[in-house]
């Protein structure tokens, strides 16, 4: 069984980009998280202690991604994935999408994005 906790459209400002002009100012990113975990205990108990705190995950991801500059969205997504998995050992995997809302493309593009899935480290 695979259950999911979803966080959608977490919006942050972050320095990300390859060129100097793009990295000169923080720009908006939008992050989606899909945490995989067994949520049967929480479903049975109706107790917040039996689930993963999505607020805590959101805060950790935002802080980690904003803590440093990133040339690539791939790096920002990897940092977000690591941060999300570090919050609670009950998370077995996470899928992260990071969207650049103002990509430097001379076309009408709503966003560009990277999506990656990472498994929790079984040894931790």
N, C-alpha and C. Protein backbone atom coordinates (compact mmCIF):
# COMPACT_ATOMS: atom_id res chain seq x y z
N UNK A 1 0.85 -1.17 0.00
CA UNK A 1 0.00 0.00 0.00
C UNK A 1 0.90 1.24 0.00
N UNK A 2 0.54 2.18 -0.86
CA UNK A 2 1.25 3.45 -0.87
C UNK A 2 0.25 4.58 -0.72
N UNK A 3 0.39 5.30 0.36
CA UNK A 3 -0.44 6.47 0.61
C UNK A 3 0.40 7.71 0.34
N UNK A 4 -0.27 8.82 0.12
CA UNK A 4 0.43 10.06 -0.22
C UNK A 4 -0.07 11.22 0.63
N UNK A 5 0.85 12.06 1.03
CA UNK A 5 0.53 13.38 1.56
C UNK A 5 1.00 14.37 0.51
N UNK A 6 0.10 15.24 0.08
CA UNK A 6 0.40 16.18 -0.98
C UNK A 6 0.47 17.61 -0.45
N UNK A 7 1.46 18.33 -0.92
CA UNK A 7 1.55 19.77 -0.71
C UNK A 7 1.60 20.36 -2.11
N UNK A 8 0.70 21.27 -2.42
CA UNK A 8 0.63 21.85 -3.76
C UNK A 8 0.89 23.35 -3.73
N UNK A 9 1.66 23.78 -4.72
CA UNK A 9 1.88 25.21 -4.99
C UNK A 9 2.49 25.96 -3.81
N UNK A 10 3.48 25.34 -3.16
CA UNK A 10 4.26 26.05 -2.14
C UNK A 10 5.09 27.09 -2.88
N UNK A 11 4.84 28.35 -2.61
CA UNK A 11 5.50 29.43 -3.34
C UNK A 11 6.56 30.08 -2.47
N UNK A 12 7.76 30.17 -3.06
CA UNK A 12 8.88 30.79 -2.36
C UNK A 12 9.63 31.68 -3.34
N UNK A 13 10.46 32.56 -2.79
CA UNK A 13 11.40 33.34 -3.60
C UNK A 13 12.78 32.75 -3.40
N UNK A 14 13.50 32.59 -4.49
CA UNK A 14 14.81 31.92 -4.42
C UNK A 14 15.70 32.44 -5.54
N UNK A 15 17.00 32.48 -5.26
CA UNK A 15 17.97 32.81 -6.31
C UNK A 15 18.29 31.54 -7.07
N UNK A 16 17.85 31.48 -8.32
CA UNK A 16 18.09 30.31 -9.15
C UNK A 16 18.25 30.75 -10.60
N UNK A 17 19.23 30.19 -11.27
CA UNK A 17 19.44 30.51 -12.66
C UNK A 17 20.90 30.39 -13.04
N UNK A 18 21.15 30.38 -14.33
CA UNK A 18 22.51 30.21 -14.83
C UNK A 18 23.18 31.56 -15.06
N UNK A 19 22.48 32.49 -15.68
CA UNK A 19 23.08 33.78 -16.01
C UNK A 19 23.05 34.76 -14.86
N UNK A 20 23.96 35.73 -14.89
CA UNK A 20 24.04 36.75 -13.84
C UNK A 20 22.73 37.54 -13.73
N UNK A 21 22.14 37.89 -14.87
CA UNK A 21 20.90 38.66 -14.86
C UNK A 21 19.77 37.87 -14.19
N UNK A 22 19.72 36.60 -14.47
CA UNK A 22 18.67 35.75 -13.89
C UNK A 22 18.86 35.58 -12.38
N UNK A 23 20.10 35.54 -11.94
CA UNK A 23 20.38 35.33 -10.51
C UNK A 23 20.49 36.62 -9.72
N UNK A 24 20.36 37.76 -10.38
CA UNK A 24 20.53 39.04 -9.70
C UNK A 24 19.48 39.27 -8.62
N UNK A 25 18.28 38.78 -8.83
CA UNK A 25 17.21 38.97 -7.85
C UNK A 25 16.51 37.64 -7.62
N UNK A 26 15.99 37.48 -6.43
CA UNK A 26 15.22 36.27 -6.13
C UNK A 26 14.00 36.23 -7.05
N UNK A 27 13.66 35.04 -7.47
CA UNK A 27 12.51 34.87 -8.35
C UNK A 27 11.56 33.82 -7.79
N UNK A 28 10.31 33.88 -8.20
CA UNK A 28 9.33 32.95 -7.63
C UNK A 28 9.48 31.54 -8.17
N UNK A 29 9.45 30.61 -7.24
CA UNK A 29 9.38 29.19 -7.58
C UNK A 29 8.11 28.63 -6.95
N UNK A 30 7.58 27.60 -7.55
CA UNK A 30 6.43 26.90 -7.00
C UNK A 30 6.81 25.44 -6.87
N UNK A 31 6.56 24.88 -5.69
CA UNK A 31 6.99 23.51 -5.38
C UNK A 31 5.79 22.66 -5.02
N UNK A 32 5.73 21.47 -5.62
CA UNK A 32 4.75 20.44 -5.25
C UNK A 32 5.50 19.29 -4.62
N UNK A 33 4.93 18.74 -3.57
CA UNK A 33 5.52 17.60 -2.86
C UNK A 33 4.50 16.47 -2.77
N UNK A 34 4.92 15.27 -3.04
CA UNK A 34 4.12 14.06 -2.82
C UNK A 34 4.95 13.14 -1.94
N UNK A 35 4.61 13.12 -0.66
CA UNK A 35 5.31 12.24 0.28
C UNK A 35 4.60 10.89 0.31
N UNK A 36 5.37 9.82 0.21
CA UNK A 36 4.81 8.48 0.29
C UNK A 36 5.06 7.93 1.69
N UNK A 37 4.01 7.37 2.28
CA UNK A 37 4.11 6.80 3.62
C UNK A 37 2.89 5.93 3.87
N UNK A 38 3.00 5.05 4.83
CA UNK A 38 1.84 4.27 5.28
C UNK A 38 1.04 5.15 6.24
N UNK A 39 -0.14 5.54 5.83
CA UNK A 39 -0.98 6.44 6.63
C UNK A 39 -2.10 5.69 7.35
N UNK A 40 -2.01 4.38 7.40
CA UNK A 40 -3.09 3.59 8.00
C UNK A 40 -3.24 3.87 9.50
N UNK A 41 -2.16 4.09 10.22
CA UNK A 41 -2.26 4.38 11.65
C UNK A 41 -3.02 5.68 11.88
N UNK A 42 -2.71 6.70 11.10
CA UNK A 42 -3.40 7.99 11.24
C UNK A 42 -4.87 7.87 10.84
N UNK A 43 -5.14 7.09 9.81
CA UNK A 43 -6.52 6.90 9.38
C UNK A 43 -7.35 6.21 10.45
N UNK A 44 -6.73 5.27 11.16
CA UNK A 44 -7.44 4.54 12.21
C UNK A 44 -7.59 5.35 13.49
N UNK A 45 -6.54 6.10 13.85
CA UNK A 45 -6.54 6.80 15.14
C UNK A 45 -7.13 8.21 15.09
N UNK A 46 -7.08 8.84 13.92
CA UNK A 46 -7.48 10.24 13.77
C UNK A 46 -6.64 11.15 14.66
N UNK A 47 -5.36 10.75 14.87
CA UNK A 47 -4.44 11.47 15.75
C UNK A 47 -3.29 12.02 14.90
N UNK A 48 -3.06 13.31 15.01
CA UNK A 48 -2.01 13.96 14.23
C UNK A 48 -0.62 13.38 14.52
N UNK A 49 -0.43 12.81 15.68
CA UNK A 49 0.87 12.21 16.01
C UNK A 49 1.17 10.98 15.15
N UNK A 50 0.15 10.44 14.52
CA UNK A 50 0.33 9.23 13.70
C UNK A 50 0.53 9.53 12.22
N UNK A 51 0.75 10.80 11.89
CA UNK A 51 0.96 11.15 10.49
C UNK A 51 2.16 12.07 10.36
N UNK A 52 2.48 12.42 9.15
CA UNK A 52 3.59 13.34 8.86
C UNK A 52 3.02 14.76 8.83
N UNK A 53 3.65 15.67 9.53
CA UNK A 53 3.19 17.05 9.62
C UNK A 53 3.57 17.79 8.33
N UNK A 54 2.59 18.00 7.47
CA UNK A 54 2.88 18.66 6.19
C UNK A 54 3.30 20.11 6.36
N UNK A 55 2.90 20.75 7.45
CA UNK A 55 3.36 22.10 7.73
C UNK A 55 4.84 22.13 8.02
N UNK A 56 5.28 21.18 8.84
CA UNK A 56 6.71 21.07 9.16
C UNK A 56 7.52 20.75 7.91
N UNK A 57 7.00 19.86 7.07
CA UNK A 57 7.68 19.52 5.82
C UNK A 57 7.80 20.76 4.93
N UNK A 58 6.71 21.50 4.81
CA UNK A 58 6.71 22.71 3.96
C UNK A 58 7.74 23.72 4.45
N UNK A 59 7.78 23.96 5.75
CA UNK A 59 8.75 24.90 6.32
C UNK A 59 10.18 24.44 6.07
N UNK A 60 10.44 23.16 6.25
CA UNK A 60 11.80 22.62 6.05
C UNK A 60 12.23 22.74 4.60
N UNK A 61 11.33 22.43 3.68
CA UNK A 61 11.65 22.52 2.25
C UNK A 61 11.91 23.97 1.86
N UNK A 62 11.05 24.87 2.27
CA UNK A 62 11.23 26.29 1.94
C UNK A 62 12.57 26.80 2.47
N UNK A 63 12.87 26.50 3.72
CA UNK A 63 14.13 26.96 4.33
C UNK A 63 15.34 26.39 3.59
N UNK A 64 15.29 25.12 3.26
CA UNK A 64 16.44 24.48 2.60
C UNK A 64 16.67 25.05 1.20
N UNK A 65 15.61 25.22 0.43
CA UNK A 65 15.77 25.72 -0.94
C UNK A 65 16.21 27.18 -0.93
N UNK A 66 15.72 27.97 0.01
CA UNK A 66 16.09 29.38 0.08
C UNK A 66 17.46 29.63 0.70
N UNK A 67 18.03 28.64 1.34
CA UNK A 67 19.28 28.83 2.07
C UNK A 67 20.49 29.08 1.18
N UNK A 68 20.40 28.72 -0.08
CA UNK A 68 21.54 28.90 -0.96
C UNK A 68 21.06 29.18 -2.38
N UNK A 69 21.95 29.67 -3.21
CA UNK A 69 21.64 29.90 -4.62
C UNK A 69 21.82 28.61 -5.39
N UNK A 70 21.02 28.45 -6.45
CA UNK A 70 21.09 27.26 -7.30
C UNK A 70 21.20 27.69 -8.76
N UNK A 71 22.10 27.09 -9.49
CA UNK A 71 22.16 27.36 -10.92
C UNK A 71 21.00 26.68 -11.63
N UNK A 72 20.68 25.46 -11.20
CA UNK A 72 19.68 24.65 -11.91
C UNK A 72 18.48 24.31 -11.04
N UNK A 73 17.34 24.17 -11.68
CA UNK A 73 16.15 23.68 -10.98
C UNK A 73 16.38 22.27 -10.47
N UNK A 74 17.18 21.50 -11.16
CA UNK A 74 17.48 20.14 -10.73
C UNK A 74 18.09 20.13 -9.33
N UNK A 75 18.99 21.06 -9.09
CA UNK A 75 19.62 21.16 -7.76
C UNK A 75 18.61 21.60 -6.72
N UNK A 76 17.78 22.58 -7.04
CA UNK A 76 16.75 23.03 -6.10
C UNK A 76 15.79 21.89 -5.76
N UNK A 77 15.42 21.09 -6.75
CA UNK A 77 14.52 19.96 -6.51
C UNK A 77 15.18 18.90 -5.63
N UNK A 78 16.46 18.63 -5.85
CA UNK A 78 17.17 17.65 -5.02
C UNK A 78 17.27 18.13 -3.57
N UNK A 79 17.54 19.41 -3.37
CA UNK A 79 17.60 19.98 -2.02
C UNK A 79 16.22 19.86 -1.35
N UNK A 80 15.17 20.16 -2.11
CA UNK A 80 13.80 20.05 -1.57
C UNK A 80 13.48 18.61 -1.20
N UNK A 81 13.86 17.67 -2.03
CA UNK A 81 13.59 16.26 -1.74
C UNK A 81 14.31 15.80 -0.48
N UNK A 82 15.59 16.14 -0.37
CA UNK A 82 16.36 15.77 0.82
C UNK A 82 15.73 16.35 2.09
N UNK A 83 15.33 17.62 2.01
CA UNK A 83 14.74 18.28 3.18
C UNK A 83 13.42 17.63 3.56
N UNK A 84 12.59 17.31 2.58
CA UNK A 84 11.29 16.69 2.85
C UNK A 84 11.46 15.34 3.53
N UNK A 85 12.39 14.54 3.03
CA UNK A 85 12.59 13.20 3.59
C UNK A 85 13.23 13.24 4.98
N UNK A 86 13.95 14.30 5.28
CA UNK A 86 14.63 14.40 6.58
C UNK A 86 13.68 14.74 7.72
N UNK A 87 12.51 15.23 7.44
CA UNK A 87 11.58 15.67 8.49
C UNK A 87 11.03 14.51 9.29
N UNK A 88 10.68 13.42 8.63
CA UNK A 88 9.99 12.32 9.32
C UNK A 88 10.39 11.00 8.68
N UNK A 89 10.91 10.08 9.47
CA UNK A 89 11.38 8.79 8.95
C UNK A 89 10.27 7.93 8.39
N UNK A 90 9.02 8.26 8.67
CA UNK A 90 7.91 7.48 8.12
C UNK A 90 7.71 7.70 6.62
N UNK A 91 8.27 8.77 6.09
CA UNK A 91 8.21 9.01 4.65
C UNK A 91 9.17 8.05 3.96
N UNK A 92 8.65 7.27 3.02
CA UNK A 92 9.47 6.28 2.32
C UNK A 92 10.00 6.80 0.99
N UNK A 93 9.34 7.82 0.45
CA UNK A 93 9.77 8.42 -0.81
C UNK A 93 9.09 9.78 -0.95
N UNK A 94 9.63 10.58 -1.85
CA UNK A 94 9.02 11.87 -2.16
C UNK A 94 9.19 12.15 -3.64
N UNK A 95 8.17 12.71 -4.24
CA UNK A 95 8.26 13.25 -5.59
C UNK A 95 8.13 14.76 -5.46
N UNK A 96 9.08 15.46 -6.05
CA UNK A 96 9.14 16.92 -5.96
C UNK A 96 9.06 17.51 -7.37
N UNK A 97 8.21 18.49 -7.54
CA UNK A 97 8.19 19.29 -8.76
C UNK A 97 8.54 20.71 -8.37
N UNK A 98 9.49 21.29 -9.09
CA UNK A 98 9.88 22.68 -8.87
C UNK A 98 9.66 23.42 -10.19
N UNK A 99 8.81 24.44 -10.13
CA UNK A 99 8.48 25.24 -11.30
C UNK A 99 9.05 26.64 -11.17
N UNK A 100 9.72 27.08 -12.24
CA UNK A 100 10.16 28.47 -12.35
C UNK A 100 9.02 29.22 -13.03
N UNK A 101 8.43 30.17 -12.31
CA UNK A 101 7.24 30.85 -12.80
C UNK A 101 7.54 31.96 -13.81
N UNK A 102 8.78 32.40 -13.86
CA UNK A 102 9.18 33.43 -14.84
C UNK A 102 10.46 32.99 -15.55
N UNK A 103 10.37 31.93 -16.35
CA UNK A 103 11.58 31.44 -17.01
C UNK A 103 12.10 32.44 -18.05
N UNK A 104 13.43 32.48 -18.22
CA UNK A 104 14.02 33.44 -19.15
C UNK A 104 13.98 32.93 -20.59
N UNK A 105 12.77 32.78 -21.11
CA UNK A 105 12.58 32.28 -22.47
C UNK A 105 11.81 33.36 -23.24
N UNK A 106 12.27 33.73 -24.42
CA UNK A 106 11.59 34.80 -25.16
C UNK A 106 10.32 34.32 -25.87
N UNK A 107 9.52 33.54 -25.16
CA UNK A 107 8.26 33.02 -25.68
C UNK A 107 7.22 33.10 -24.57
N UNK A 108 5.97 32.90 -24.93
CA UNK A 108 4.90 32.89 -23.93
C UNK A 108 4.86 31.50 -23.29
N UNK A 109 5.58 31.36 -22.16
CA UNK A 109 5.68 30.10 -21.43
C UNK A 109 5.20 30.34 -20.01
N UNK A 110 4.24 29.54 -19.57
CA UNK A 110 3.71 29.70 -18.22
C UNK A 110 4.71 29.36 -17.15
N UNK A 111 5.49 28.30 -17.35
CA UNK A 111 6.51 27.90 -16.39
C UNK A 111 7.38 26.83 -17.02
N UNK A 112 8.53 26.62 -16.40
CA UNK A 112 9.37 25.47 -16.71
C UNK A 112 9.53 24.71 -15.40
N UNK A 113 9.80 23.41 -15.49
CA UNK A 113 9.81 22.63 -14.25
C UNK A 113 10.74 21.43 -14.35
N UNK A 114 11.06 20.94 -13.16
CA UNK A 114 11.79 19.69 -12.99
C UNK A 114 11.00 18.87 -11.99
N UNK A 115 10.86 17.58 -12.27
CA UNK A 115 10.20 16.68 -11.31
C UNK A 115 11.12 15.51 -11.07
N UNK A 116 11.30 15.16 -9.80
CA UNK A 116 12.13 13.99 -9.46
C UNK A 116 11.54 13.24 -8.28
N UNK A 117 11.81 11.95 -8.25
CA UNK A 117 11.38 11.09 -7.15
C UNK A 117 12.61 10.56 -6.45
N UNK A 118 12.60 10.64 -5.13
CA UNK A 118 13.71 10.13 -4.33
C UNK A 118 13.18 9.21 -3.25
N UNK A 119 13.90 8.13 -3.00
CA UNK A 119 13.56 7.19 -1.95
C UNK A 119 14.27 7.58 -0.67
N UNK A 120 13.63 7.31 0.45
CA UNK A 120 14.27 7.54 1.75
C UNK A 120 15.42 6.57 1.89
N UNK A 121 16.46 7.00 2.58
CA UNK A 121 17.60 6.15 2.84
C UNK A 121 17.21 5.10 3.87
N UNK A 122 17.21 3.84 3.48
CA UNK A 122 16.77 2.76 4.36
C UNK A 122 17.68 2.59 5.57
N UNK A 123 18.91 3.11 5.50
CA UNK A 123 19.84 2.92 6.62
C UNK A 123 19.67 3.94 7.73
N UNK A 124 18.85 5.01 7.50
CA UNK A 124 18.71 6.02 8.54
C UNK A 124 17.56 5.75 9.46
